[in-house]
Amino acid sequence: QDAIDRKEKRSESFKTAVHGLETDSPALKIEELGRRAPQWVRDNLVTMCMRCKEPFNAITRRRHHCRACGYVVCARCSDYKAELEYDRNRLNRVCQECYIFLTGHTVLEDREGRHKGILEKGAAEVSSRSLLCSSLQLLDKNGKGGTRGWFVIPQDDPLVLYIYAAPQDVRAHTSIPLLGYQVRDMPQSESRHLFQLAQSRQVFTFVADTEDLKWRWMRVMARSAAGITDLEEEED
């Protein structure tokens, strides 16, 4: 129910965002986010962040524009980057809502309902009670490069993959909700042990250090994607 409420809330936010504040602003449809450059809301039209509603000031809360929807947002609410098709798929600064929509990733929220773009628990702490954790490489879309990091599926949150830059980092930089994804094996390529997570048009390609590690990750991810959270449940 919480996931449904969040989804409906984000949908309402997008309906507001894509039409802008002025009646003469051209409408930007949801499906056009990232594909067409938005018309930016002018700075002098707002006095507070259009996401968290905190007032702007000259020192600690500067104005920034989301490059996807055009909203004026604070630094905290725009501390995300996503590839935008209209800018040749280069990374651009975007707000939290657009980041979630464009990447399929999720972010955490604190008790006051304000977002934290990062997991506030250290990698070492989470890894000590995880279903699986290890170093992996996440390839970019063209498969020629990527980011190496520390990947963890916690026991107390087994449906989410958390990604740290290093195994001793105190914060994760992003996460991927696994429920509903398909886990795909890929042929070994140039001694690289490849596998994928795929859902609709969203595909993540990983490289493991060994064939055994690849199959361990595929097994755990497949259980999470199927919604199996009980360690005692038998595999299908």
Protein backbone atom coordinates (compact mmCIF):
# COMPACT_ATOMS: atom_id res chain seq x y z
CA GLN A 1 0.00 0.00 0.00
CA ASP A 2 2.88 2.32 0.77
CA ALA A 3 4.32 1.67 -2.70
CA ILE A 4 0.93 2.40 -4.30
CA ASP A 5 0.58 5.66 -2.35
CA ARG A 6 4.08 6.72 -3.41
CA LYS A 7 3.34 5.93 -7.05
CA GLU A 8 0.12 7.95 -7.01
CA LYS A 9 1.86 10.85 -5.30
CA ARG A 10 4.64 10.88 -7.91
CA SER A 11 2.08 10.75 -10.73
CA GLU A 12 0.31 13.79 -9.33
CA SER A 13 3.65 15.59 -9.01
CA PHE A 14 4.42 14.91 -12.66
CA LYS A 15 1.00 16.12 -13.80
CA THR A 16 1.74 19.43 -12.11
CA ALA A 17 5.38 19.58 -13.18
CA VAL A 18 4.94 19.02 -16.88
CA HIS A 19 2.49 21.91 -17.32
CA GLY A 20 4.64 24.55 -15.62
CA LEU A 21 3.45 27.59 -13.68
CA GLU A 22 2.44 29.87 -16.52
CA THR A 23 -0.59 29.33 -18.71
CA ASP A 24 1.36 30.10 -21.86
CA SER A 25 4.03 27.47 -21.11
CA PRO A 26 3.96 24.60 -23.61
CA ALA A 27 2.87 21.36 -21.97
CA LEU A 28 5.56 18.71 -21.54
CA LYS A 29 4.02 15.27 -21.43
CA ILE A 30 5.33 12.70 -18.97
CA GLU A 31 6.61 10.46 -21.75
CA GLU A 32 8.60 13.42 -23.10
CA LEU A 33 10.65 13.86 -19.91
CA GLY A 34 14.29 13.59 -20.89
CA ARG A 35 13.41 13.45 -24.58
CA ARG A 36 12.55 17.13 -25.05
CA ALA A 37 14.11 20.15 -23.36
CA PRO A 38 11.70 21.70 -20.84
CA GLN A 39 10.83 25.36 -20.51
CA TRP A 40 12.49 26.48 -17.29
CA VAL A 41 10.39 28.11 -14.59
CA ARG A 42 11.82 31.58 -14.03
CA ASP A 43 13.70 32.09 -10.76
CA ASN A 44 11.72 35.21 -9.86
CA LEU A 45 8.44 33.30 -9.93
CA VAL A 46 9.26 31.16 -6.89
CA THR A 47 10.49 31.83 -3.38
CA MET A 48 10.75 28.21 -2.24
CA CYS A 49 11.90 24.85 -3.60
CA MET A 50 9.17 23.42 -5.80
CA ARG A 51 9.82 19.93 -4.36
CA CYS A 52 10.48 20.16 -0.60
CA LYS A 53 8.87 23.63 -0.20
CA GLU A 54 11.81 24.96 1.84
CA PRO A 55 12.40 28.71 1.27
CA PHE A 56 15.40 29.81 -0.73
CA ASN A 57 18.12 32.04 0.70
CA ALA A 58 21.32 33.45 -0.69
CA ILE A 59 23.69 31.37 1.42
CA THR A 60 22.50 27.87 2.24
CA ARG A 61 19.70 27.17 -0.24
CA ARG A 62 20.50 28.26 -3.76
CA ARG A 63 18.22 27.86 -6.76
CA HIS A 64 18.84 25.13 -9.33
CA HIS A 65 16.84 23.98 -12.34
CA CYS A 66 15.90 20.38 -13.04
CA ARG A 67 17.05 19.73 -16.60
CA ALA A 68 14.20 17.27 -17.18
CA CYS A 69 11.04 19.06 -15.94
CA GLY A 70 12.30 22.65 -15.60
CA TYR A 71 11.34 23.07 -11.94
CA VAL A 72 13.28 25.41 -9.64
CA VAL A 73 14.64 23.26 -6.82
CA CYS A 74 17.19 23.43 -4.01
CA ALA A 75 20.57 21.70 -4.05
CA ARG A 76 19.37 18.80 -1.89
CA CYS A 77 16.34 18.10 -4.07
CA SER A 78 18.44 18.23 -7.24
CA ASP A 79 21.35 16.12 -6.02
CA TYR A 80 20.76 13.53 -8.76
CA LYS A 81 21.98 12.97 -12.28
CA ALA A 82 20.31 11.18 -15.17
CA GLU A 83 20.95 10.73 -18.87
CA LEU A 84 18.75 12.98 -21.00
CA GLU A 85 17.99 11.95 -24.55
CA TYR A 86 17.62 15.53 -25.81
CA ASP A 87 21.18 16.25 -24.63
CA ARG A 88 22.75 13.27 -26.43
CA ASN A 89 22.27 11.02 -23.37
CA ARG A 90 24.69 13.04 -21.28
CA LEU A 91 24.29 13.18 -17.49
CA ASN A 92 22.37 16.22 -16.29
CA ARG A 93 21.23 17.53 -12.93
CA VAL A 94 17.64 16.49 -12.22
CA CYS A 95 15.20 16.50 -9.31
CA GLN A 96 14.35 13.40 -7.30
CA GLU A 97 11.03 12.72 -9.06
CA CYS A 98 12.59 12.91 -12.52
CA TYR A 99 15.52 10.76 -11.38
CA ILE A 100 13.15 8.01 -10.26
CA PHE A 101 11.11 8.24 -13.45
CA LEU A 102 14.09 8.31 -15.84
CA THR A 103 16.33 5.71 -14.21
CA GLY A 104 13.98 3.30 -12.47
CA HIS A 105 16.05 3.66 -9.31
CA THR A 106 14.55 4.44 -5.94
CA VAL A 107 15.62 6.68 -3.06
CA LEU A 108 14.93 6.47 0.63
CA GLU A 109 12.86 8.82 2.76
CA ASP A 110 13.46 9.74 6.36
CA ARG A 111 10.86 9.82 9.14
CA GLU A 112 9.78 13.36 8.27
CA GLY A 113 9.01 12.34 4.71
CA ARG A 114 11.95 14.26 3.25
CA HIS A 115 14.10 12.36 0.85
CA LYS A 116 17.60 11.12 1.39
CA GLY A 117 19.23 10.35 -1.92
CA ILE A 118 21.51 7.89 -0.13
CA LEU A 119 21.32 4.98 2.27
CA GLU A 120 22.33 6.28 5.69
CA LYS A 121 23.86 2.98 6.85
CA GLY A 122 27.47 2.06 6.26
CA ALA A 123 28.39 -0.62 3.76
CA ALA A 124 30.27 -2.65 6.37
CA GLU A 125 27.26 -2.74 8.69
CA VAL A 126 24.84 -3.76 5.92
CA SER A 127 27.26 -6.30 4.45
CA SER A 128 27.63 -8.10 7.78
CA ARG A 129 23.95 -9.13 7.62
CA SER A 130 23.36 -9.43 3.90
CA LEU A 131 22.02 -12.15 1.63
CA LEU A 132 24.97 -11.46 -0.64
CA CYS A 133 27.59 -8.77 -1.04
CA SER A 134 30.62 -8.40 -3.28
CA SER A 135 32.37 -6.19 -5.76
CA LEU A 136 30.71 -6.01 -9.19
CA GLN A 137 30.91 -3.81 -12.24
CA LEU A 138 27.78 -2.14 -13.62
CA LEU A 139 28.22 -1.49 -17.33
CA ASP A 140 26.93 1.58 -19.10
CA LYS A 141 24.38 1.35 -21.89
CA ASN A 142 26.90 0.74 -24.68
CA GLY A 143 28.65 -1.99 -22.68
CA LYS A 144 32.12 -0.50 -23.20
CA GLY A 145 32.62 1.02 -19.79
CA GLY A 146 31.01 1.16 -16.42
CA THR A 147 31.25 1.69 -12.70
CA ARG A 148 32.84 -0.73 -10.27
CA GLY A 149 31.40 -0.71 -6.80
CA TRP A 150 30.28 -2.66 -3.74
CA PHE A 151 26.85 -4.29 -4.18
CA VAL A 152 24.69 -5.48 -1.28
CA ILE A 153 21.27 -7.12 -0.84
CA PRO A 154 20.49 -6.77 2.91
CA GLN A 155 18.66 -9.46 4.85
CA ASP A 156 16.26 -6.88 6.30
CA ASP A 157 15.54 -5.36 2.87
CA PRO A 158 15.89 -8.32 0.49
CA LEU A 159 13.99 -6.81 -2.44
CA VAL A 160 16.47 -4.00 -3.04
CA LEU A 161 20.03 -3.94 -4.38
CA TYR A 162 22.15 -1.21 -2.77
CA ILE A 163 25.23 0.13 -4.55
CA TYR A 164 28.20 1.63 -2.71
CA ALA A 165 31.29 3.08 -4.31
CA ALA A 166 33.49 1.13 -1.87
CA PRO A 167 32.97 -1.54 0.85
CA GLN A 168 33.78 0.87 3.67
CA ASP A 169 31.62 3.79 2.51
CA VAL A 170 29.17 5.11 5.09
CA ARG A 171 26.50 5.84 2.48
CA ALA A 172 25.17 4.13 -0.62
CA HIS A 173 24.90 6.32 -3.70
CA THR A 174 21.92 4.55 -5.30
CA SER A 175 19.66 1.51 -5.16
CA ILE A 176 17.68 -0.70 -7.54
CA PRO A 177 14.31 -2.25 -6.55
CA LEU A 178 14.53 -5.88 -7.73
CA LEU A 179 10.89 -6.95 -7.59
CA GLY A 180 9.56 -7.85 -11.04
CA TYR A 181 12.91 -7.93 -12.84
CA GLN A 182 14.06 -10.86 -14.95
CA VAL A 183 17.56 -12.23 -14.37
CA ARG A 184 19.34 -13.16 -17.59
CA ASP A 185 22.51 -15.14 -18.15
CA MET A 186 24.85 -13.82 -20.83
CA PRO A 187 27.60 -15.63 -22.74
CA GLN A 188 31.09 -15.11 -21.40
CA SER A 189 32.77 -12.28 -23.31
CA GLU A 190 36.53 -11.72 -23.23
CA SER A 191 36.81 -13.55 -19.90
CA ARG A 192 34.05 -11.36 -18.45
CA HIS A 193 31.28 -13.07 -16.50
CA LEU A 194 28.14 -11.18 -17.54
CA PHE A 195 24.50 -11.23 -16.43
CA GLN A 196 21.57 -8.84 -16.63
CA LEU A 197 18.54 -7.50 -14.83
CA ALA A 198 15.77 -6.59 -17.26
CA GLN A 199 12.29 -5.12 -16.91
CA SER A 200 10.49 -3.51 -19.84
CA ARG A 201 13.05 -1.16 -21.45
CA GLN A 202 15.19 -0.92 -18.30
CA VAL A 203 18.27 -3.18 -18.49
CA PHE A 204 21.23 -3.36 -16.11
CA THR A 205 24.31 -5.36 -17.15
CA PHE A 206 26.74 -6.61 -14.48
CA VAL A 207 30.20 -8.15 -14.59
CA ALA A 208 31.28 -10.55 -11.84
CA ASP A 209 34.87 -11.50 -11.07
CA THR A 210 34.24 -15.24 -11.37
CA GLU A 211 31.67 -17.59 -12.90
CA ASP A 212 30.75 -18.91 -9.45
CA LEU A 213 30.12 -15.40 -8.14
CA LYS A 214 27.95 -14.63 -11.17
CA TRP A 215 25.70 -17.61 -10.51
CA ARG A 216 25.45 -16.75 -6.80
CA TRP A 217 24.26 -13.25 -7.68
CA MET A 218 21.82 -14.56 -10.31
CA ARG A 219 20.32 -16.97 -7.79
CA VAL A 220 19.85 -14.36 -5.06
CA MET A 221 18.56 -11.71 -7.46
CA ALA A 222 16.07 -14.15 -8.99
CA ARG A 223 14.62 -14.89 -5.53
CA SER A 224 14.34 -11.19 -4.75
CA ALA A 225 12.78 -10.43 -8.13
CA ALA A 226 10.18 -13.12 -7.43
CA GLY A 227 9.38 -11.57 -4.05
CA ILE A 228 10.81 -14.45 -1.99
CA THR A 229 11.87 -12.94 1.33
CA ASP A 230 11.82 -16.00 3.59
CA LEU A 231 15.22 -17.67 3.72
CA GLU A 232 13.52 -20.96 4.54
CA GLU A 233 11.36 -20.99 1.41
CA GLU A 234 12.25 -23.64 -1.13
CA GLU A 235 13.38 -22.52 -4.54
CA ASP A 236 11.13 -23.15 -7.50
